[in-house]
Amino acid sequence: MNTNGLQASDPSEKERNLAALAYARDPDLRQQTLEMVLDDSVRSQDALSLLAGVAVRSNAAAHAAWSFLTEYAGSLLAIGLRHAS
């Protein structure tokens, strides 16, 4: 996935681009969007917004977000702790 839009210098543009990713309807694109949280494509302080943004789009998206959270809970916690210190 091309994440150049997340590298924009304008913070408002970054937020708009991140919000747009949350609207992905294609299951594969939705999964790639969720996985961006794990590879530092998304700042740790923006991760929750992205996960919540995906989850509220539809029942299928909520299921995908929940599955992602439960599968990667340990990794997500480690990322949060790493960036908190």
PDB file of N, CA and C in Angstrom:
ATOM      1  N   MET A   1       0.846  -1.168   0.000  1.00  0.00           N
ATOM      2  CA  MET A   1       0.000   0.000   0.000  1.00  0.00           C
ATOM      3  C   MET A   1       0.893   1.233   0.000  1.00  0.00           C
ATOM      4  N   ASN A   2       0.558   2.197  -0.805  1.00  0.00           N
ATOM      5  CA  ASN A   2       1.305   3.442  -0.870  1.00  0.00           C
ATOM      6  C   ASN A   2       0.875   4.327   0.291  1.00  0.00           C
ATOM      7  N   THR A   3       1.810   4.679   1.157  1.00  0.00           N
ATOM      8  CA  THR A   3       1.495   5.505   2.317  1.00  0.00           C
ATOM      9  C   THR A   3       2.059   6.911   2.182  1.00  0.00           C
ATOM     10  N   ASN A   4       2.354   7.344   0.958  1.00  0.00           N
ATOM     11  CA  ASN A   4       2.918   8.681   0.766  1.00  0.00           C
ATOM     12  C   ASN A   4       2.013   9.777   1.316  1.00  0.00           C
ATOM     13  N   GLY A   5       0.713   9.591   1.241  1.00  0.00           N
ATOM     14  CA  GLY A   5      -0.213  10.587   1.767  1.00  0.00           C
ATOM     15  C   GLY A   5      -0.084  10.780   3.259  1.00  0.00           C
ATOM     16  N   LEU A   6       0.427   9.765   3.946  1.00  0.00           N
ATOM     17  CA  LEU A   6       0.620   9.883   5.384  1.00  0.00           C
ATOM     18  C   LEU A   6       1.919  10.589   5.719  1.00  0.00           C
ATOM     19  N   GLN A   7       2.738  10.833   4.717  1.00  0.00           N
ATOM     20  CA  GLN A   7       4.001  11.542   4.909  1.00  0.00           C
ATOM     21  C   GLN A   7       3.865  13.031   4.604  1.00  0.00           C
ATOM     22  N   ALA A   8       2.651  13.483   4.330  1.00  0.00           N
ATOM     23  CA  ALA A   8       2.414  14.883   3.996  1.00  0.00           C
ATOM     24  C   ALA A   8       2.920  15.785   5.124  1.00  0.00           C
ATOM     25  N   SER A   9       3.372  16.972   4.768  1.00  0.00           N
ATOM     26  CA  SER A   9       3.900  17.884   5.785  1.00  0.00           C
ATOM     27  C   SER A   9       2.791  18.606   6.539  1.00  0.00           C
ATOM     28  N   ASP A  10       1.622  18.735   5.953  1.00  0.00           N
ATOM     29  CA  ASP A  10       0.497  19.410   6.592  1.00  0.00           C
ATOM     30  C   ASP A  10      -0.258  18.417   7.494  1.00  0.00           C
ATOM     31  N   PRO A  11      -0.315  18.676   8.801  1.00  0.00           N
ATOM     32  CA  PRO A  11      -0.996  17.751   9.713  1.00  0.00           C
ATOM     33  C   PRO A  11      -2.462  17.515   9.344  1.00  0.00           C
ATOM     34  N   SER A  12      -3.139  18.532   8.865  1.00  0.00           N
ATOM     35  CA  SER A  12      -4.546  18.370   8.475  1.00  0.00           C
ATOM     36  C   SER A  12      -4.676  17.413   7.303  1.00  0.00           C
ATOM     37  N   GLU A  13      -3.741  17.486   6.367  1.00  0.00           N
ATOM     38  CA  GLU A  13      -3.768  16.585   5.227  1.00  0.00           C
ATOM     39  C   GLU A  13      -3.523  15.145   5.672  1.00  0.00           C
ATOM     40  N   LYS A  14      -2.593  14.962   6.598  1.00  0.00           N
ATOM     41  CA  LYS A  14      -2.334  13.620   7.129  1.00  0.00           C
ATOM     42  C   LYS A  14      -3.591  13.044   7.769  1.00  0.00           C
ATOM     43  N   GLU A  15      -4.289  13.861   8.563  1.00  0.00           N
ATOM     44  CA  GLU A  15      -5.502  13.400   9.229  1.00  0.00           C
ATOM     45  C   GLU A  15      -6.585  13.039   8.220  1.00  0.00           C
ATOM     46  N   ARG A  16      -6.756  13.852   7.185  1.00  0.00           N
ATOM     47  CA  ARG A  16      -7.752  13.562   6.148  1.00  0.00           C
ATOM     48  C   ARG A  16      -7.414  12.263   5.423  1.00  0.00           C
ATOM     49  N   ASN A  17      -6.141  12.083   5.101  1.00  0.00           N
ATOM     50  CA  ASN A  17      -5.726  10.869   4.401  1.00  0.00           C
ATOM     51  C   ASN A  17      -5.931   9.632   5.271  1.00  0.00           C
ATOM     52  N   LEU A  18      -5.626   9.749   6.542  1.00  0.00           N
ATOM     53  CA  LEU A  18      -5.814   8.631   7.460  1.00  0.00           C
ATOM     54  C   LEU A  18      -7.303   8.304   7.599  1.00  0.00           C
ATOM     55  N   ALA A  19      -8.123   9.327   7.714  1.00  0.00           N
ATOM     56  CA  ALA A  19      -9.572   9.113   7.812  1.00  0.00           C
ATOM     57  C   ALA A  19     -10.109   8.459   6.550  1.00  0.00           C
ATOM     58  N   ALA A  20      -9.601   8.845   5.399  1.00  0.00           N
ATOM     59  CA  ALA A  20     -10.052   8.252   4.135  1.00  0.00           C
ATOM     60  C   ALA A  20      -9.734   6.760   4.085  1.00  0.00           C
ATOM     61  N   LEU A  21      -8.589   6.373   4.608  1.00  0.00           N
ATOM     62  CA  LEU A  21      -8.230   4.953   4.626  1.00  0.00           C
ATOM     63  C   LEU A  21      -9.225   4.123   5.438  1.00  0.00           C
ATOM     64  N   ALA A  22      -9.784   4.728   6.463  1.00  0.00           N
ATOM     65  CA  ALA A  22     -10.734   4.010   7.317  1.00  0.00           C
ATOM     66  C   ALA A  22     -12.017   3.652   6.564  1.00  0.00           C
ATOM     67  N   TYR A  23     -12.277   4.300   5.439  1.00  0.00           N
ATOM     68  CA  TYR A  23     -13.490   4.041   4.665  1.00  0.00           C
ATOM     69  C   TYR A  23     -13.355   2.872   3.692  1.00  0.00           C
ATOM     70  N   ALA A  24     -12.240   2.196   3.677  1.00  0.00           N
ATOM     71  CA  ALA A  24     -12.010   1.100   2.727  1.00  0.00           C
ATOM     72  C   ALA A  24     -13.112   0.050   2.855  1.00  0.00           C
ATOM     73  N   ARG A  25     -13.725  -0.292   1.744  1.00  0.00           N
ATOM     74  CA  ARG A  25     -14.773  -1.325   1.736  1.00  0.00           C
ATOM     75  C   ARG A  25     -14.219  -2.694   1.344  1.00  0.00           C
ATOM     76  N   ASP A  26     -13.163  -2.682   0.557  1.00  0.00           N
ATOM     77  CA  ASP A  26     -12.552  -3.933   0.133  1.00  0.00           C
ATOM     78  C   ASP A  26     -11.902  -4.590   1.352  1.00  0.00           C
ATOM     79  N   PRO A  27     -12.234  -5.848   1.644  1.00  0.00           N
ATOM     80  CA  PRO A  27     -11.674  -6.506   2.835  1.00  0.00           C
ATOM     81  C   PRO A  27     -10.146  -6.549   2.863  1.00  0.00           C
ATOM     82  N   ASP A  28      -9.512  -6.769   1.721  1.00  0.00           N
ATOM     83  CA  ASP A  28      -8.049  -6.809   1.697  1.00  0.00           C
ATOM     84  C   ASP A  28      -7.449  -5.435   1.991  1.00  0.00           C
ATOM     85  N   LEU A  29      -8.030  -4.397   1.410  1.00  0.00           N
ATOM     86  CA  LEU A  29      -7.552  -3.037   1.668  1.00  0.00           C
ATOM     87  C   LEU A  29      -7.812  -2.651   3.120  1.00  0.00           C
ATOM     88  N   ARG A  30      -8.954  -3.064   3.645  1.00  0.00           N
ATOM     89  CA  ARG A  30      -9.266  -2.789   5.052  1.00  0.00           C
ATOM     90  C   ARG A  30      -8.227  -3.447   5.958  1.00  0.00           C
ATOM     91  N   GLN A  31      -7.867  -4.684   5.649  1.00  0.00           N
ATOM     92  CA  GLN A  31      -6.861  -5.393   6.454  1.00  0.00           C
ATOM     93  C   GLN A  31      -5.504  -4.703   6.349  1.00  0.00           C
ATOM     94  N   GLN A  32      -5.135  -4.291   5.150  1.00  0.00           N
ATOM     95  CA  GLN A  32      -3.864  -3.568   4.973  1.00  0.00           C
ATOM     96  C   GLN A  32      -3.873  -2.272   5.768  1.00  0.00           C
ATOM     97  N   THR A  33      -5.012  -1.608   5.786  1.00  0.00           N
ATOM     98  CA  THR A  33      -5.134  -0.363   6.548  1.00  0.00           C
ATOM     99  C   THR A  33      -4.924  -0.635   8.029  1.00  0.00           C
ATOM    100  N   LEU A  34      -5.554  -1.670   8.544  1.00  0.00           N
ATOM    101  CA  LEU A  34      -5.374  -2.021   9.955  1.00  0.00           C
ATOM    102  C   LEU A  34      -3.924  -2.372  10.260  1.00  0.00           C
ATOM    103  N   GLU A  35      -3.286  -3.094   9.364  1.00  0.00           N
ATOM    104  CA  GLU A  35      -1.911  -3.530   9.597  1.00  0.00           C
ATOM    105  C   GLU A  35      -0.911  -2.375   9.572  1.00  0.00           C
ATOM    106  N   MET A  36      -1.302  -1.247   9.009  1.00  0.00           N
ATOM    107  CA  MET A  36      -0.421  -0.078   9.013  1.00  0.00           C
ATOM    108  C   MET A  36      -0.084   0.363  10.432  1.00  0.00           C
ATOM    109  N   VAL A  37      -0.949   0.037  11.370  1.00  0.00           N
ATOM    110  CA  VAL A  37      -0.706   0.379  12.778  1.00  0.00           C
ATOM    111  C   VAL A  37       0.523  -0.357  13.306  1.00  0.00           C
ATOM    112  N   LEU A  38       0.777  -1.540  12.774  1.00  0.00           N
ATOM    113  CA  LEU A  38       1.866  -2.374  13.274  1.00  0.00           C
ATOM    114  C   LEU A  38       3.227  -2.022  12.701  1.00  0.00           C
ATOM    115  N   ASP A  39       3.273  -1.365  11.549  1.00  0.00           N
ATOM    116  CA  ASP A  39       4.565  -1.151  10.880  1.00  0.00           C
ATOM    117  C   ASP A  39       5.036   0.306  10.899  1.00  0.00           C
ATOM    118  N   ASP A  40       4.520   1.081  11.810  1.00  0.00           N
ATOM    119  CA  ASP A  40       4.918   2.487  11.974  1.00  0.00           C
ATOM    120  C   ASP A  40       4.518   3.382  10.800  1.00  0.00           C
ATOM    121  N   SER A  41       3.632   2.899   9.915  1.00  0.00           N
ATOM    122  CA  SER A  41       3.088   3.774   8.874  1.00  0.00           C
ATOM    123  C   SER A  41       2.164   4.812   9.502  1.00  0.00           C
ATOM    124  N   VAL A  42       1.596   4.448  10.643  1.00  0.00           N
ATOM    125  CA  VAL A  42       0.686   5.322  11.378  1.00  0.00           C
ATOM    126  C   VAL A  42       1.328   5.617  12.726  1.00  0.00           C
ATOM    127  N   ARG A  43       1.350   6.881  13.096  1.00  0.00           N
ATOM    128  CA  ARG A  43       1.908   7.248  14.401  1.00  0.00           C
ATOM    129  C   ARG A  43       1.086   6.580  15.503  1.00  0.00           C
ATOM    130  N   SER A  44       1.752   6.202  16.575  1.00  0.00           N
ATOM    131  CA  SER A  44       1.057   5.499  17.657  1.00  0.00           C
ATOM    132  C   SER A  44      -0.104   6.317  18.208  1.00  0.00           C
ATOM    133  N   GLN A  45       0.022   7.636  18.249  1.00  0.00           N
ATOM    134  CA  GLN A  45      -1.058   8.475  18.768  1.00  0.00           C
ATOM    135  C   GLN A  45      -2.250   8.548  17.810  1.00  0.00           C
ATOM    136  N   ASP A  46      -2.075   8.114  16.561  1.00  0.00           N
ATOM    137  CA  ASP A  46      -3.170   8.101  15.586  1.00  0.00           C
ATOM    138  C   ASP A  46      -3.782   6.715  15.418  1.00  0.00           C
ATOM    139  N   ALA A  47      -3.172   5.714  16.006  1.00  0.00           N
ATOM    140  CA  ALA A  47      -3.605   4.328  15.802  1.00  0.00           C
ATOM    141  C   ALA A  47      -5.041   4.100  16.270  1.00  0.00           C
ATOM    142  N   LEU A  48      -5.377   4.591  17.436  1.00  0.00           N
ATOM    143  CA  LEU A  48      -6.720   4.375  17.962  1.00  0.00           C
ATOM    144  C   LEU A  48      -7.776   5.018  17.065  1.00  0.00           C
ATOM    145  N   SER A  49      -7.493   6.200  16.566  1.00  0.00           N
ATOM    146  CA  SER A  49      -8.435   6.865  15.660  1.00  0.00           C
ATOM    147  C   SER A  49      -8.654   6.047  14.397  1.00  0.00           C
ATOM    148  N   LEU A  50      -7.577   5.485  13.865  1.00  0.00           N
ATOM    149  CA  LEU A  50      -7.696   4.670  12.663  1.00  0.00           C
ATOM    150  C   LEU A  50      -8.506   3.403  12.953  1.00  0.00           C
ATOM    151  N   LEU A  51      -8.196   2.723  14.037  1.00  0.00           N
ATOM    152  CA  LEU A  51      -8.918   1.498  14.385  1.00  0.00           C
ATOM    153  C   LEU A  51     -10.401   1.780  14.618  1.00  0.00           C
ATOM    154  N   ALA A  52     -10.692   2.838  15.343  1.00  0.00           N
ATOM    155  CA  ALA A  52     -12.091   3.205  15.592  1.00  0.00           C
ATOM    156  C   ALA A  52     -12.773   3.628  14.302  1.00  0.00           C
ATOM    157  N   GLY A  53     -12.056   4.361  13.460  1.00  0.00           N
ATOM    158  CA  GLY A  53     -12.624   4.794  12.191  1.00  0.00           C
ATOM    159  C   GLY A  53     -13.022   3.626  11.320  1.00  0.00           C
ATOM    160  N   VAL A  54     -12.197   2.604  11.304  1.00  0.00           N
ATOM    161  CA  VAL A  54     -12.533   1.399  10.538  1.00  0.00           C
ATOM    162  C   VAL A  54     -13.742   0.715  11.180  1.00  0.00           C
ATOM    163  N   ALA A  55     -13.731   0.585  12.484  1.00  0.00           N
ATOM    164  CA  ALA A  55     -14.755  -0.194  13.191  1.00  0.00           C
ATOM    165  C   ALA A  55     -16.168   0.352  13.017  1.00  0.00           C
ATOM    166  N   VAL A  56     -16.323   1.650  12.859  1.00  0.00           N
ATOM    167  CA  VAL A  56     -17.675   2.233  12.809  1.00  0.00           C
ATOM    168  C   VAL A  56     -18.272   2.258  11.403  1.00  0.00           C
ATOM    169  N   ARG A  57     -17.566   1.767  10.406  1.00  0.00           N
ATOM    170  CA  ARG A  57     -18.039   1.869   9.022  1.00  0.00           C
ATOM    171  C   ARG A  57     -19.146   0.890   8.673  1.00  0.00           C
ATOM    172  N   SER A  58     -19.076  -0.312   9.197  1.00  0.00           N
ATOM    173  CA  SER A  58     -20.080  -1.331   8.884  1.00  0.00           C
ATOM    174  C   SER A  58     -19.901  -2.494   9.848  1.00  0.00           C
ATOM    175  N   ASN A  59     -20.861  -3.416   9.831  1.00  0.00           N
ATOM    176  CA  ASN A  59     -20.718  -4.603  10.673  1.00  0.00           C
ATOM    177  C   ASN A  59     -19.494  -5.411  10.281  1.00  0.00           C
ATOM    178  N   ALA A  60     -19.257  -5.547   8.975  1.00  0.00           N
ATOM    179  CA  ALA A  60     -18.089  -6.304   8.510  1.00  0.00           C
ATOM    180  C   ALA A  60     -16.800  -5.621   8.946  1.00  0.00           C
ATOM    181  N   ALA A  61     -16.773  -4.290   8.866  1.00  0.00           N
ATOM    182  CA  ALA A  61     -15.582  -3.552   9.274  1.00  0.00           C
ATOM    183  C   ALA A  61     -15.373  -3.653  10.785  1.00  0.00           C
ATOM    184  N   ALA A  62     -16.457  -3.608  11.545  1.00  0.00           N
ATOM    185  CA  ALA A  62     -16.348  -3.758  13.003  1.00  0.00           C
ATOM    186  C   ALA A  62     -15.800  -5.134  13.354  1.00  0.00           C
ATOM    187  N   HIS A  63     -16.272  -6.144  12.661  1.00  0.00           N
ATOM    188  CA  HIS A  63     -15.770  -7.501  12.893  1.00  0.00           C
ATOM    189  C   HIS A  63     -14.274  -7.579  12.553  1.00  0.00           C
ATOM    190  N   ALA A  64     -13.877  -6.983  11.426  1.00  0.00           N
ATOM    191  CA  ALA A  64     -12.464  -6.994  11.021  1.00  0.00           C
ATOM    192  C   ALA A  64     -11.602  -6.270  12.046  1.00  0.00           C
ATOM    193  N   ALA A  65     -12.074  -5.124  12.527  1.00  0.00           N
ATOM    194  CA  ALA A  65     -11.304  -4.362  13.518  1.00  0.00           C
ATOM    195  C   ALA A  65     -11.189  -5.138  14.828  1.00  0.00           C
ATOM    196  N   TRP A  66     -12.277  -5.781  15.256  1.00  0.00           N
ATOM    197  CA  TRP A  66     -12.234  -6.560  16.493  1.00  0.00           C
ATOM    198  C   TRP A  66     -11.287  -7.751  16.348  1.00  0.00           C
ATOM    199  N   SER A  67     -11.368  -8.431  15.223  1.00  0.00           N
ATOM    200  CA  SER A  67     -10.476  -9.563  14.975  1.00  0.00           C
ATOM    201  C   SER A  67      -9.014  -9.117  14.994  1.00  0.00           C
ATOM    202  N   PHE A  68      -8.759  -7.978  14.380  1.00  0.00           N
ATOM    203  CA  PHE A  68      -7.410  -7.427  14.357  1.00  0.00           C
ATOM    204  C   PHE A  68      -6.942  -7.112  15.778  1.00  0.00           C
ATOM    205  N   LEU A  69      -7.794  -6.442  16.545  1.00  0.00           N
ATOM    206  CA  LEU A  69      -7.429  -6.080  17.916  1.00  0.00           C
ATOM    207  C   LEU A  69      -7.142  -7.305  18.767  1.00  0.00           C
ATOM    208  N   THR A  70      -7.975  -8.319  18.658  1.00  0.00           N
ATOM    209  CA  THR A  70      -7.762  -9.498  19.490  1.00  0.00           C
ATOM    210  C   THR A  70      -6.542 -10.300  19.027  1.00  0.00           C
ATOM    211  N   GLU A  71      -6.312 -10.347  17.719  1.00  0.00           N
ATOM    212  CA  GLU A  71      -5.158 -11.090  17.208  1.00  0.00           C
ATOM    213  C   GLU A  71      -3.836 -10.409  17.542  1.00  0.00           C
ATOM    214  N   TYR A  72      -3.822  -9.085  17.496  1.00  0.00           N
ATOM    215  CA  TYR A  72      -2.571  -8.344  17.664  1.00  0.00           C
ATOM    216  C   TYR A  72      -2.513  -7.550  18.966  1.00  0.00           C
ATOM    217  N   ALA A  73      -3.300  -7.917  19.945  1.00  0.00           N
ATOM    218  CA  ALA A  73      -3.354  -7.167  21.207  1.00  0.00           C
ATOM    219  C   ALA A  73      -1.966  -7.018  21.834  1.00  0.00           C
ATOM    220  N   GLY A  74      -1.202  -8.089  21.863  1.00  0.00           N
ATOM    221  CA  GLY A  74       0.138  -8.026  22.455  1.00  0.00           C
ATOM    222  C   GLY A  74       1.045  -7.078  21.704  1.00  0.00           C
ATOM    223  N   SER A  75       1.017  -7.133  20.402  1.00  0.00           N
ATOM    224  CA  SER A  75       1.849  -6.249  19.581  1.00  0.00           C
ATOM    225  C   SER A  75       1.417  -4.797  19.745  1.00  0.00           C
ATOM    226  N   LEU A  76       0.109  -4.574  19.780  1.00  0.00           N
ATOM    227  CA  LEU A  76      -0.393  -3.204  19.933  1.00  0.00           C
ATOM    228  C   LEU A  76      -0.012  -2.635  21.294  1.00  0.00           C
ATOM    229  N   LEU A  77      -0.077  -3.459  22.319  1.00  0.00           N
ATOM    230  CA  LEU A  77       0.324  -3.014  23.654  1.00  0.00           C
ATOM    231  C   LEU A  77       1.812  -2.691  23.681  1.00  0.00           C
ATOM    232  N   ALA A  78       2.625  -3.529  23.052  1.00  0.00           N
ATOM    233  CA  ALA A  78       4.067  -3.284  23.012  1.00  0.00           C
ATOM    234  C   ALA A  78       4.379  -1.974  22.284  1.00  0.00           C
ATOM    235  N   ILE A  79       3.675  -1.726  21.190  1.00  0.00           N
ATOM    236  CA  ILE A  79       3.881  -0.477  20.448  1.00  0.00           C
ATOM    237  C   ILE A  79       3.522   0.714  21.337  1.00  0.00           C
ATOM    238  N   GLY A  80       2.393   0.618  22.026  1.00  0.00           N
ATOM    239  CA  GLY A  80       1.970   1.702  22.911  1.00  0.00           C
ATOM    240  C   GLY A  80       2.960   1.943  24.026  1.00  0.00           C
ATOM    241  N   LEU A  81       3.456   0.878  24.618  1.00  0.00           N
ATOM    242  CA  LEU A  81       4.430   1.024  25.702  1.00  0.00           C
ATOM    243  C   LEU A  81       5.760   1.561  25.187  1.00  0.00           C
ATOM    244  N   ARG A  82       6.167   1.121  24.010  1.00  0.00           N
ATOM    245  CA  ARG A  82       7.424   1.584  23.440  1.00  0.00           C
ATOM    246  C   ARG A  82       7.386   3.091  23.176  1.00  0.00           C
ATOM    247  N   HIS A  83       6.251   3.572  22.693  1.00  0.00           N
ATOM    248  CA  HIS A  83       6.147   4.991  22.380  1.00  0.00           C
ATOM    249  C   HIS A  83       5.813   5.846  23.605  1.00  0.00           C
ATOM    250  N   ALA A  84       5.342   5.207  24.669  1.00  0.00           N
ATOM    251  CA  ALA A  84       5.027   5.949  25.883  1.00  0.00           C
ATOM    252  C   ALA A  84       6.270   6.281  26.698  1.00  0.00           C
ATOM    253  N   SER A  85       7.331   5.506  26.487  1.00  0.00           N
ATOM    254  CA  SER A  85       8.532   5.739  27.291  1.00  0.00           C
ATOM    255  C   SER A  85       9.462   6.749  26.679  1.00  0.00           C
TER     256      SER A  85
END
